[in-house]
C-alpha atoms as a PDB file:
ATOM      1  CA  MET A   1      16.845 -22.252  -4.944  1.00  0.00           C
ATOM      2  CA  THR A   2      13.853 -23.205  -7.023  1.00  0.00           C
ATOM      3  CA  LYS A   3      10.444 -21.707  -6.443  1.00  0.00           C
ATOM      4  CA  GLN A   4       9.226 -25.157  -5.363  1.00  0.00           C
ATOM      5  CA  SER A   5      11.471 -24.929  -2.293  1.00  0.00           C
ATOM      6  CA  LYS A   6      11.403 -21.178  -1.715  1.00  0.00           C
ATOM      7  CA  ARG A   7       9.800 -20.084   1.558  1.00  0.00           C
ATOM      8  CA  LEU A   8       7.697 -16.944   1.375  1.00  0.00           C
ATOM      9  CA  TYR A   9       6.495 -14.766   4.260  1.00  0.00           C
ATOM     10  CA  LEU A  10       3.008 -13.286   4.131  1.00  0.00           C
ATOM     11  CA  ASN A  11       1.792 -10.409   6.263  1.00  0.00           C
ATOM     12  CA  GLU A  12      -1.925  -9.918   6.893  1.00  0.00           C
ATOM     13  CA  VAL A  13      -3.008  -6.252   6.937  1.00  0.00           C
ATOM     14  CA  ALA A  14      -6.820  -6.408   6.775  1.00  0.00           C
ATOM     15  CA  THR A  15      -7.453  -5.598  10.431  1.00  0.00           C
ATOM     16  CA  ARG A  16      -5.527  -2.330  10.074  1.00  0.00           C
ATOM     17  CA  ASP A  17      -5.328  -1.305   6.435  1.00  0.00           C
ATOM     18  CA  GLY A  18      -8.705  -2.807   5.631  1.00  0.00           C
ATOM     19  CA  PHE A  19     -10.754  -1.975   8.720  1.00  0.00           C
ATOM     20  CA  GLN A  20      -9.622   1.660   8.850  1.00  0.00           C
ATOM     21  CA  ASN A  21     -11.546   2.274   5.621  1.00  0.00           C
ATOM     22  CA  GLU A  22     -14.833   0.792   6.847  1.00  0.00           C
ATOM     23  CA  ALA A  23     -17.682   3.164   7.680  1.00  0.00           C
ATOM     24  CA  ALA A  24     -19.255   0.884  10.279  1.00  0.00           C
ATOM     25  CA  PHE A  25     -17.377   0.340  13.545  1.00  0.00           C
ATOM     26  CA  ILE A  26     -16.474  -3.317  14.012  1.00  0.00           C
ATOM     27  CA  ASP A  27     -17.040  -4.513  17.552  1.00  0.00           C
ATOM     28  CA  THR A  28     -13.840  -4.956  19.584  1.00  0.00           C
ATOM     29  CA  ASP A  29     -14.651  -8.561  20.485  1.00  0.00           C
ATOM     30  CA  ASP A  30     -15.262  -9.347  16.814  1.00  0.00           C
ATOM     31  CA  LYS A  31     -11.884  -7.865  15.893  1.00  0.00           C
ATOM     32  CA  ILE A  32     -10.171  -9.942  18.574  1.00  0.00           C
ATOM     33  CA  ALA A  33     -11.934 -13.131  17.457  1.00  0.00           C
ATOM     34  CA  LEU A  34     -10.935 -12.557  13.828  1.00  0.00           C
ATOM     35  CA  ILE A  35      -7.302 -11.810  14.706  1.00  0.00           C
ATOM     36  CA  ASP A  36      -7.177 -14.945  16.872  1.00  0.00           C
ATOM     37  CA  ALA A  37      -8.445 -16.934  13.869  1.00  0.00           C
ATOM     38  CA  LEU A  38      -5.831 -15.306  11.633  1.00  0.00           C
ATOM     39  CA  SER A  39      -3.106 -16.096  14.171  1.00  0.00           C
ATOM     40  CA  ALA A  40      -3.743 -19.797  13.551  1.00  0.00           C
ATOM     41  CA  CYS A  41      -3.482 -19.475   9.747  1.00  0.00           C
ATOM     42  CA  GLY A  42       0.310 -19.499   9.462  1.00  0.00           C
ATOM     43  CA  TYR A  43       1.095 -15.865   8.705  1.00  0.00           C
ATOM     44  CA  ALA A  44       4.562 -14.481   9.350  1.00  0.00           C
ATOM     45  CA  LYS A  45       3.101 -11.190  10.548  1.00  0.00           C
ATOM     46  CA  ILE A  46      -0.256  -9.592  11.336  1.00  0.00           C
ATOM     47  CA  GLU A  47      -0.741  -5.822  11.288  1.00  0.00           C
ATOM     48  CA  VAL A  48      -3.268  -5.662  14.099  1.00  0.00           C
ATOM     49  CA  THR A  49      -4.275  -2.021  14.390  1.00  0.00           C
ATOM     50  CA  SER A  50      -3.170   1.615  14.351  1.00  0.00           C
ATOM     51  CA  PHE A  51      -2.211   3.823  17.273  1.00  0.00           C
ATOM     52  CA  THR A  52      -3.410   6.925  15.489  1.00  0.00           C
ATOM     53  CA  SER A  53      -5.662   9.536  17.053  1.00  0.00           C
ATOM     54  CA  PRO A  54      -9.199   8.115  17.475  1.00  0.00           C
ATOM     55  CA  LYS A  55     -10.472  11.346  15.924  1.00  0.00           C
ATOM     56  CA  ALA A  56      -8.443  10.673  12.777  1.00  0.00           C
ATOM     57  CA  ILE A  57      -9.359   6.969  12.483  1.00  0.00           C
ATOM     58  CA  PRO A  58     -12.408   6.255  14.664  1.00  0.00           C
ATOM     59  CA  ALA A  59     -12.692   2.727  13.241  1.00  0.00           C
ATOM     60  CA  LEU A  60      -9.541   1.780  15.194  1.00  0.00           C
ATOM     61  CA  ARG A  61     -10.215   3.715  18.376  1.00  0.00           C
ATOM     62  CA  ASP A  62     -10.038   0.460  20.369  1.00  0.00           C
ATOM     63  CA  ALA A  63      -6.366  -0.229  19.563  1.00  0.00           C
ATOM     64  CA  GLU A  64      -5.272  -0.878  23.173  1.00  0.00           C
ATOM     65  CA  ALA A  65      -8.234  -3.126  23.923  1.00  0.00           C
ATOM     66  CA  VAL A  66      -7.611  -5.181  20.792  1.00  0.00           C
ATOM     67  CA  MET A  67      -3.887  -5.581  21.446  1.00  0.00           C
ATOM     68  CA  HIS A  68      -4.471  -6.597  25.060  1.00  0.00           C
ATOM     69  CA  GLY A  69      -7.298  -8.958  24.087  1.00  0.00           C
ATOM     70  CA  ILE A  70      -5.721 -11.079  21.362  1.00  0.00           C
ATOM     71  CA  ALA A  71      -4.127 -14.466  22.037  1.00  0.00           C
ATOM     72  CA  ARG A  72      -0.652 -14.325  20.568  1.00  0.00           C
ATOM     73  CA  GLN A  73       0.625 -17.241  18.567  1.00  0.00           C
ATOM     74  CA  PRO A  74       4.341 -18.076  18.916  1.00  0.00           C
ATOM     75  CA  GLY A  75       6.220 -17.297  15.723  1.00  0.00           C
ATOM     76  CA  VAL A  76       3.798 -14.602  14.555  1.00  0.00           C
ATOM     77  CA  VAL A  77       5.012 -10.992  14.574  1.00  0.00           C
ATOM     78  CA  TYR A  78       2.301  -8.602  15.787  1.00  0.00           C
ATOM     79  CA  THR A  79       2.865  -5.172  14.285  1.00  0.00           C
ATOM     80  CA  VAL A  80       0.965  -1.871  14.554  1.00  0.00           C
ATOM     81  CA  LEU A  81       0.987   1.415  12.684  1.00  0.00           C
ATOM     82  CA  VAL A  82       2.497   4.288  14.683  1.00  0.00           C
ATOM     83  CA  PRO A  83       2.393   7.900  13.377  1.00  0.00           C
ATOM     84  CA  ASN A  84       4.259   9.757  16.134  1.00  0.00           C
ATOM     85  CA  VAL A  85       5.921   9.492  19.553  1.00  0.00           C
ATOM     86  CA  ARG A  86       2.572   9.503  21.377  1.00  0.00           C
ATOM     87  CA  GLY A  87       1.464   6.570  19.240  1.00  0.00           C
ATOM     88  CA  ALA A  88       4.758   4.809  19.956  1.00  0.00           C
ATOM     89  CA  GLU A  89       4.214   5.202  23.692  1.00  0.00           C
ATOM     90  CA  ARG A  90       0.740   3.691  23.399  1.00  0.00           C
ATOM     91  CA  ALA A  91       2.130   0.804  21.326  1.00  0.00           C
ATOM     92  CA  LEU A  92       4.887   0.114  23.852  1.00  0.00           C
ATOM     93  CA  SER A  93       2.293  -0.138  26.623  1.00  0.00           C
ATOM     94  CA  CYS A  94       0.765  -3.031  24.660  1.00  0.00           C
ATOM     95  CA  ASN A  95       4.010  -4.957  24.237  1.00  0.00           C
ATOM     96  CA  VAL A  96       3.957  -4.972  20.434  1.00  0.00           C
ATOM     97  CA  ASP A  97       6.606  -6.856  18.462  1.00  0.00           C
ATOM     98  CA  GLU A  98       7.061  -4.200  15.781  1.00  0.00           C
ATOM     99  CA  VAL A  99       5.970  -0.691  14.881  1.00  0.00           C
ATOM    100  CA  ASN A 100       5.253   0.322  11.303  1.00  0.00           C
ATOM    101  CA  LEU A 101       5.945   3.942  10.312  1.00  0.00           C
ATOM    102  CA  VAL A 102       4.462   5.496   7.178  1.00  0.00           C
ATOM    103  CA  MET A 103       5.261   8.365   4.828  1.00  0.00           C
ATOM    104  CA  SER A 104       4.777   9.027   1.122  1.00  0.00           C
ATOM    105  CA  LEU A 105       7.607   9.364  -1.363  1.00  0.00           C
ATOM    106  CA  SER A 106       5.810  11.990  -3.431  1.00  0.00           C
ATOM    107  CA  GLU A 107       5.513  15.447  -1.921  1.00  0.00           C
ATOM    108  CA  SER A 108       1.938  15.888  -3.141  1.00  0.00           C
ATOM    109  CA  HIS A 109       0.639  12.654  -1.661  1.00  0.00           C
ATOM    110  CA  ASN A 110       2.415  13.205   1.645  1.00  0.00           C
ATOM    111  CA  ARG A 111       0.892  16.666   1.977  1.00  0.00           C
ATOM    112  CA  ALA A 112      -2.573  15.394   1.006  1.00  0.00           C
ATOM    113  CA  ASN A 113      -2.446  12.281   3.169  1.00  0.00           C
ATOM    114  CA  LEU A 114      -0.425  13.383   6.206  1.00  0.00           C
ATOM    115  CA  ARG A 115      -0.694  17.172   6.004  1.00  0.00           C
ATOM    116  CA  MET A 116       3.098  17.474   6.168  1.00  0.00           C
ATOM    117  CA  THR A 117       6.023  17.871   3.828  1.00  0.00           C
ATOM    118  CA  ARG A 118       8.227  14.831   3.363  1.00  0.00           C
ATOM    119  CA  GLU A 119      10.973  16.447   5.456  1.00  0.00           C
ATOM    120  CA  GLN A 120       8.509  17.121   8.267  1.00  0.00           C
ATOM    121  CA  SER A 121       7.377  13.495   8.139  1.00  0.00           C
ATOM    122  CA  PHE A 122      10.972  12.278   8.172  1.00  0.00           C
ATOM    123  CA  ALA A 123      11.719  14.398  11.224  1.00  0.00           C
ATOM    124  CA  GLN A 124       8.614  13.166  13.055  1.00  0.00           C
ATOM    125  CA  LEU A 125       9.365   9.545  12.229  1.00  0.00           C
ATOM    126  CA  GLY A 126      12.965  10.109  13.278  1.00  0.00           C
ATOM    127  CA  ASP A 127      11.662  11.052  16.727  1.00  0.00           C
ATOM    128  CA  VAL A 128       9.727   7.777  16.825  1.00  0.00           C
ATOM    129  CA  ILE A 129      12.841   5.810  15.845  1.00  0.00           C
ATOM    130  CA  ASP A 130      14.767   7.515  18.648  1.00  0.00           C
ATOM    131  CA  ALA A 131      11.980   6.771  21.124  1.00  0.00           C
ATOM    132  CA  MET A 132      11.998   3.093  20.179  1.00  0.00           C
ATOM    133  CA  ARG A 133      15.752   2.681  20.424  1.00  0.00           C
ATOM    134  CA  GLY A 134      16.757   0.201  23.091  1.00  0.00           C
ATOM    135  CA  THR A 135      13.217  -1.151  23.591  1.00  0.00           C
ATOM    136  CA  GLY A 136      13.758  -4.337  21.600  1.00  0.00           C
ATOM    137  CA  VAL A 137      10.798  -3.486  19.359  1.00  0.00           C
ATOM    138  CA  ALA A 138      11.514  -3.786  15.644  1.00  0.00           C
ATOM    139  CA  ILE A 139      10.936  -0.829  13.312  1.00  0.00           C
ATOM    140  CA  ASN A 140       9.555  -1.100   9.783  1.00  0.00           C
ATOM    141  CA  VAL A 141       8.937   1.850   7.473  1.00  0.00           C
ATOM    142  CA  SER A 142       6.245   1.720   4.795  1.00  0.00           C
ATOM    143  CA  LEU A 143       7.008   4.059   1.913  1.00  0.00           C
ATOM    144  CA  SER A 144       3.777   4.971   0.130  1.00  0.00           C
ATOM    145  CA  THR A 145       3.525   5.869  -3.584  1.00  0.00           C
ATOM    146  CA  ALA A 146       6.813   4.063  -4.256  1.00  0.00           C
ATOM    147  CA  MET A 147       5.520   3.010  -7.677  1.00  0.00           C
ATOM    148  CA  GLY A 148       3.478   6.027  -8.636  1.00  0.00           C
ATOM    149  CA  CYS A 149       1.624   9.050  -7.263  1.00  0.00           C
ATOM    150  CA  PRO A 150      -1.970   9.778  -8.338  1.00  0.00           C
ATOM    151  CA  MET A 151      -1.120  13.489  -8.499  1.00  0.00           C
ATOM    152  CA  GLU A 152       2.484  13.556  -9.732  1.00  0.00           C
ATOM    153  CA  GLY A 153       2.649  10.361 -11.783  1.00  0.00           C
ATOM    154  CA  ASP A 154       5.834   8.296 -11.776  1.00  0.00           C
ATOM    155  CA  VAL A 155       8.122   8.575  -8.764  1.00  0.00           C
ATOM    156  CA  PRO A 156      11.756   8.389  -9.946  1.00  0.00           C
ATOM    157  CA  LEU A 157      13.619   5.262  -8.900  1.00  0.00           C
ATOM    158  CA  ALA A 158      16.426   7.464  -7.572  1.00  0.00           C
ATOM    159  CA  THR A 159      13.945   9.148  -5.216  1.00  0.00           C
ATOM    160  CA  VAL A 160      12.793   5.793  -3.845  1.00  0.00           C
ATOM    161  CA  LEU A 161      16.345   4.582  -3.272  1.00  0.00           C
ATOM    162  CA  ASP A 162      17.365   7.871  -1.656  1.00  0.00           C
ATOM    163  CA  TRP A 163      14.586   7.737   0.931  1.00  0.00           C
ATOM    164  CA  MET A 164      15.296   4.064   1.586  1.00  0.00           C
ATOM    165  CA  ALA A 165      18.914   4.980   2.258  1.00  0.00           C
ATOM    166  CA  ARG A 166      17.933   7.724   4.699  1.00  0.00           C
ATOM    167  CA  PHE A 167      15.833   5.335   6.756  1.00  0.00           C
ATOM    168  CA  ALA A 168      18.434   2.564   6.545  1.00  0.00           C
ATOM    169  CA  GLU A 169      20.944   5.008   8.008  1.00  0.00           C
ATOM    170  CA  ARG A 170      18.584   5.557  10.935  1.00  0.00           C
ATOM    171  CA  GLY A 171      18.766   1.843  11.739  1.00  0.00           C
ATOM    172  CA  VAL A 172      15.310   0.531  10.786  1.00  0.00           C
ATOM    173  CA  HIS A 173      15.170  -3.241  10.284  1.00  0.00           C
ATOM    174  CA  GLY A 174      12.698  -3.325   7.397  1.00  0.00           C
ATOM    175  CA  ILE A 175      11.171  -1.279   4.586  1.00  0.00           C
ATOM    176  CA  THR A 176       7.895  -1.910   2.791  1.00  0.00           C
ATOM    177  CA  LEU A 177       7.533  -0.508  -0.726  1.00  0.00           C
ATOM    178  CA  CYS A 178       3.881   0.371  -1.302  1.00  0.00           C
ATOM    179  CA  ASP A 179       1.918   0.611  -4.530  1.00  0.00           C
ATOM    180  CA  THR A 180      -0.593   2.800  -2.746  1.00  0.00           C
ATOM    181  CA  THR A 181      -3.104   3.389  -5.525  1.00  0.00           C
ATOM    182  CA  GLY A 182      -2.330   0.463  -7.806  1.00  0.00           C
ATOM    183  CA  MET A 183      -0.199   2.256 -10.395  1.00  0.00           C
ATOM    184  CA  ALA A 184       2.622  -0.321 -10.572  1.00  0.00           C
ATOM    185  CA  TYR A 185       3.316  -2.558 -13.547  1.00  0.00           C
ATOM    186  CA  PRO A 186       5.530  -5.676 -13.748  1.00  0.00           C
ATOM    187  CA  SER A 187       8.674  -4.418 -15.480  1.00  0.00           C
ATOM    188  CA  GLN A 188       8.743  -1.385 -13.165  1.00  0.00           C
ATOM    189  CA  VAL A 189       8.319  -3.622 -10.118  1.00  0.00           C
ATOM    190  CA  ARG A 190      11.065  -5.971 -11.250  1.00  0.00           C
ATOM    191  CA  GLU A 191      13.592  -3.159 -11.683  1.00  0.00           C
ATOM    192  CA  LEU A 192      12.682  -1.506  -8.384  1.00  0.00           C
ATOM    193  CA  CYS A 193      13.006  -4.783  -6.496  1.00  0.00           C
ATOM    194  CA  GLU A 194      16.312  -5.724  -8.134  1.00  0.00           C
ATOM    195  CA  ARG A 195      17.842  -2.332  -7.364  1.00  0.00           C
ATOM    196  CA  SER A 196      16.483  -2.298  -3.812  1.00  0.00           C
ATOM    197  CA  ARG A 197      17.790  -5.778  -3.032  1.00  0.00           C
ATOM    198  CA  ALA A 198      21.209  -4.943  -4.479  1.00  0.00           C
ATOM    199  CA  GLN A 199      21.547  -1.779  -2.403  1.00  0.00           C
ATOM    200  CA  PHE A 200      19.766  -2.809   0.815  1.00  0.00           C
ATOM    201  CA  ASP A 201      20.356  -6.529   1.144  1.00  0.00           C
ATOM    202  CA  ALA A 202      20.569  -6.281   4.953  1.00  0.00           C
ATOM    203  CA  LEU A 203      17.006  -4.936   5.238  1.00  0.00           C
ATOM    204  CA  GLU A 204      13.829  -6.985   5.314  1.00  0.00           C
ATOM    205  CA  LEU A 205      12.160  -5.827   2.093  1.00  0.00           C
ATOM    206  CA  THR A 206       8.386  -6.233   1.754  1.00  0.00           C
ATOM    207  CA  LEU A 207       6.127  -5.413  -1.189  1.00  0.00           C
ATOM    208  CA  HIS A 208       2.633  -4.015  -0.658  1.00  0.00           C
ATOM    209  CA  PHE A 209       0.407  -4.094  -3.737  1.00  0.00           C
ATOM    210  CA  HIS A 210      -3.077  -2.718  -4.353  1.00  0.00           C
ATOM    211  CA  ASN A 211      -5.348  -4.245  -6.966  1.00  0.00           C
ATOM    212  CA  THR A 212      -6.821  -0.954  -8.150  1.00  0.00           C
ATOM    213  CA  ARG A 213      -6.252  -1.784 -11.806  1.00  0.00           C
ATOM    214  CA  GLY A 214      -6.253  -5.573 -11.508  1.00  0.00           C
ATOM    215  CA  MET A 215      -2.453  -5.923 -11.625  1.00  0.00           C
ATOM    216  CA  ALA A 216      -1.561  -6.961  -8.070  1.00  0.00           C
ATOM    217  CA  LEU A 217      -0.947 -10.650  -8.817  1.00  0.00           C
ATOM    218  CA  ALA A 218       1.062  -9.872 -11.961  1.00  0.00           C
ATOM    219  CA  ASN A 219       3.179  -7.431  -9.965  1.00  0.00           C
ATOM    220  CA  THR A 220       3.685 -10.063  -7.270  1.00  0.00           C
ATOM    221  CA  LEU A 221       5.100 -12.458  -9.860  1.00  0.00           C
ATOM    222  CA  ALA A 222       7.511  -9.762 -11.038  1.00  0.00           C
ATOM    223  CA  ALA A 223       8.659  -9.142  -7.467  1.00  0.00           C
ATOM    224  CA  LEU A 224       9.184 -12.877  -6.941  1.00  0.00           C
ATOM    225  CA  GLU A 225      11.361 -13.005 -10.063  1.00  0.00           C
ATOM    226  CA  ALA A 226      13.482 -10.256  -8.510  1.00  0.00           C
ATOM    227  CA  GLY A 227      13.957 -12.258  -5.310  1.00  0.00           C
ATOM    228  CA  ILE A 228      11.391 -10.700  -2.961  1.00  0.00           C
ATOM    229  CA  VAL A 229      10.028 -13.165  -0.381  1.00  0.00           C
ATOM    230  CA  ARG A 230       7.865 -10.911   1.854  1.00  0.00           C
ATOM    231  CA  PHE A 231       4.450  -9.608   0.848  1.00  0.00           C
ATOM    232  CA  ASP A 232       1.562  -7.771   2.482  1.00  0.00           C
ATOM    233  CA  ALA A 233      -1.953  -8.947   1.666  1.00  0.00           C
ATOM    234  CA  SER A 234      -5.458  -8.211   2.913  1.00  0.00           C
ATOM    235  CA  LEU A 235      -8.146 -10.739   3.779  1.00  0.00           C
ATOM    236  CA  GLY A 236     -10.997 -10.563   1.281  1.00  0.00           C
ATOM    237  CA  GLY A 237      -9.149  -7.850  -0.655  1.00  0.00           C
ATOM    238  CA  LEU A 238     -10.213  -5.215   1.880  1.00  0.00           C
ATOM    239  CA  GLY A 239      -8.636  -1.779   1.739  1.00  0.00           C
ATOM    240  CA  GLY A 240      -9.115   1.421  -0.112  1.00  0.00           C
ATOM    241  CA  CYS A 241      -7.655   3.770  -2.641  1.00  0.00           C
ATOM    242  CA  PRO A 242      -8.733   7.286  -1.641  1.00  0.00           C
ATOM    243  CA  TYR A 243      -7.683   8.676  -5.023  1.00  0.00           C
ATOM    244  CA  ALA A 244      -9.453   5.939  -6.983  1.00  0.00           C
ATOM    245  CA  PRO A 245     -13.079   5.952  -5.765  1.00  0.00           C
ATOM    246  CA  GLY A 246     -14.856   2.650  -6.222  1.00  0.00           C
ATOM    247  CA  ALA A 247     -11.651   0.713  -6.846  1.00  0.00           C
ATOM    248  CA  THR A 248     -10.777  -2.515  -5.101  1.00  0.00           C
ATOM    249  CA  GLY A 249      -8.343  -2.511  -2.209  1.00  0.00           C
ATOM    250  CA  ASN A 250      -5.170  -4.401  -1.375  1.00  0.00           C
ATOM    251  CA  VAL A 251      -4.127  -7.617  -3.036  1.00  0.00           C
ATOM    252  CA  CYS A 252      -6.481 -10.295  -1.721  1.00  0.00           C
ATOM    253  CA  THR A 253      -4.815 -12.736   0.688  1.00  0.00           C
ATOM    254  CA  GLU A 254      -6.697 -15.830  -0.405  1.00  0.00           C
ATOM    255  CA  GLU A 255      -6.181 -15.071  -4.104  1.00  0.00           C
ATOM    256  CA  LEU A 256      -2.473 -14.527  -3.509  1.00  0.00           C
ATOM    257  CA  VAL A 257      -2.043 -17.737  -1.488  1.00  0.00           C
ATOM    258  CA  HIS A 258      -4.082 -19.702  -4.051  1.00  0.00           C
ATOM    259  CA  MET A 259      -1.834 -18.525  -6.905  1.00  0.00           C
ATOM    260  CA  LEU A 260       1.420 -19.081  -5.018  1.00  0.00           C
ATOM    261  CA  GLU A 261       0.464 -22.578  -3.887  1.00  0.00           C
ATOM    262  CA  LEU A 262      -0.490 -23.590  -7.439  1.00  0.00           C
ATOM    263  CA  ASP A 263       2.959 -22.463  -8.580  1.00  0.00           C
ATOM    264  CA  GLY A 264       4.658 -24.519  -5.872  1.00  0.00           C
ATOM    265  CA  TYR A 265       5.714 -21.828  -3.389  1.00  0.00           C
ATOM    266  CA  ASP A 266       5.679 -22.509   0.349  1.00  0.00           C
ATOM    267  CA  THR A 267       3.661 -19.683   1.915  1.00  0.00           C
ATOM    268  CA  GLY A 268       3.257 -21.319   5.307  1.00  0.00           C
ATOM    269  CA  VAL A 269      -0.390 -20.214   5.171  1.00  0.00           C
ATOM    270  CA  ASN A 270      -3.380 -22.557   5.472  1.00  0.00           C
ATOM    271  CA  LEU A 271      -5.630 -21.514   2.585  1.00  0.00           C
ATOM    272  CA  ALA A 272      -8.708 -23.321   3.904  1.00  0.00           C
ATOM    273  CA  ALA A 273      -8.403 -21.517   7.239  1.00  0.00           C
ATOM    274  CA  VAL A 274      -7.930 -18.187   5.482  1.00  0.00           C
ATOM    275  CA  LEU A 275     -11.062 -18.767   3.409  1.00  0.00           C
ATOM    276  CA  ASP A 276     -13.003 -19.554   6.587  1.00  0.00           C
ATOM    277  CA  ALA A 277     -11.779 -16.289   8.101  1.00  0.00           C
ATOM    278  CA  SER A 278     -12.589 -14.329   4.950  1.00  0.00           C
ATOM    279  CA  ALA A 279     -16.122 -15.732   4.938  1.00  0.00           C
ATOM    280  CA  ARG A 280     -16.726 -13.867   8.215  1.00  0.00           C
ATOM    281  CA  LEU A 281     -16.063 -10.466   6.692  1.00  0.00           C
ATOM    282  CA  PRO A 282     -19.364  -9.597   4.968  1.00  0.00           C
ATOM    283  CA  ALA A 283     -21.269  -9.990   8.240  1.00  0.00           C
ATOM    284  CA  LEU A 284     -18.663  -7.918  10.111  1.00  0.00           C
ATOM    285  CA  ILE A 285     -18.425  -5.019   7.674  1.00  0.00           C
ATOM    286  CA  GLY A 286     -21.944  -5.087   6.247  1.00  0.00           C
ATOM    287  CA  HIS A 287     -21.076  -5.544   2.583  1.00  0.00           C
ATOM    288  CA  ASP A 288     -19.509  -7.932   0.083  1.00  0.00           C
ATOM    289  CA  VAL A 289     -15.744  -8.224  -0.368  1.00  0.00           C
ATOM    290  CA  PRO A 290     -13.720  -8.229  -3.630  1.00  0.00           C
ATOM    291  CA  SER A 291     -12.364 -11.777  -3.162  1.00  0.00           C
ATOM    292  CA  GLN A 292     -13.021 -13.894  -6.247  1.00  0.00           C
ATOM    293  CA  ILE A 293     -11.764 -17.105  -4.639  1.00  0.00           C
ATOM    294  CA  LEU A 294     -14.372 -16.688  -1.901  1.00  0.00           C
ATOM    295  CA  LYS A 295     -17.060 -16.534  -4.606  1.00  0.00           C
ATOM    296  CA  ALA A 296     -15.782 -19.074  -7.140  1.00  0.00           C
ATOM    297  CA  GLY A 297     -13.828 -21.427  -4.908  1.00  0.00           C
ATOM    298  CA  ARG A 298     -10.373 -22.861  -5.447  1.00  0.00           C
ATOM    299  CA  ARG A 299      -9.281 -24.313  -8.771  1.00  0.00           C
ATOM    300  CA  THR A 300      -9.496 -27.792  -7.255  1.00  0.00           C
ATOM    301  CA  ASP A 301     -13.031 -27.314  -5.896  1.00  0.00           C
ATOM    302  CA  LEU A 302     -14.836 -29.405  -8.491  1.00  0.00           C
ATOM    303  CA  HIS A 303     -18.575 -29.517  -9.186  1.00  0.00           C
ATOM    304  CA  PRO A 304     -20.997 -32.394  -9.806  1.00  0.00           C
ATOM    305  CA  LEU A 305     -22.521 -32.932 -13.228  1.00  0.00           C
ATOM    306  CA  PRO A 306     -25.704 -30.891 -13.773  1.00  0.00           C
ATOM    307  CA  GLY A 307     -28.940 -32.733 -13.048  1.00  0.00           C
ATOM    308  CA  GLY A 308     -30.051 -35.049 -15.849  1.00  0.00           C
ATOM    309  CA  VAL A 309     -26.649 -35.237 -17.562  1.00  0.00           C
ATOM    310  CA  GLN A 310     -25.596 -38.455 -15.803  1.00  0.00           C
ATOM    311  CA  GLY A 311     -28.425 -40.500 -17.320  1.00  0.00           C
ATOM    312  CA  MET A 312     -28.258 -39.130 -20.851  1.00  0.00           C
ATOM    313  CA  PRO A 313     -27.768 -41.767 -23.592  1.00  0.00           C
ATOM    314  CA  GLU A 314     -24.361 -41.872 -25.216  1.00  0.00           C
ATOM    315  CA  GLN A 315     -24.233 -39.858 -28.404  1.00  0.00           C
ATOM    316  CA  ARG A 316     -22.899 -41.704 -31.473  1.00  0.00           C
ATOM    317  CA  ALA A 317     -21.118 -40.010 -34.299  1.00  0.00           C
ATOM    318  CA  PHE A 318     -22.146 -41.055 -37.830  1.00  0.00           C
ATOM    319  CA  SER A 319     -20.002 -40.659 -40.919  1.00  0.00           C
END
């Protein structure tokens, strides 16, 4: 299958992964309106919100209201982050399509981020998996620091594959490999994706890149070469890297779609509609967003000649 005919599946994460990092609370009705706009853009999946304690993430304290308020588009998977059984119960009351569970693959990052050891996280997430069994709700696991830990450095490939195997054995349907603080590089990504696909071909594998060091699009191309077809992205490039202050966030949705469309991939996503949605963000969050496409426009957005150039006399060359 050539790239010109290959169908890709893009997941929008801004309203969870992006909004949770914003200092200002975004009004519930504004969240619902934005998600409804995103639902019409052609995404495969939208990560709507997080059923975490409101004390831990006050920016998403309206999770139930948002989930009950959105207009669901047929064919779009609506997923939510769930940290524990209580969160799973709240998510089930909102009739979600999928729950997304999270832990870090480095011990240091898991302790710093979740205040638990990896084994404690695995046990807690195992309880969530058990609670979801038989409900018909899909389970995805996002494995943070899969391509590097800001405290430990490289995470061995064997460690990544081992934890993937443990969750696969528990019956999850998908795993997302996360470059949490933008430490990945293309040859590393290519090897990780090739090995993961070879060992876990039955799982839905998704890649989640951050643009902390400006390498998210390059890493996406490496993942595509290794056969990955599912990618997370964040509208406007929203998101954060807590261990890289001042850095940009997740790979920017509109930049990703722009690149993929130019290379002939079928993303299913309407770039013009995404740009319209992204243009809403500065007013919602109170500051500019990293998106370069929003500032510069698409490659095909041409400009008129500067004033006065049109009427200039033709210049003749003399020998």
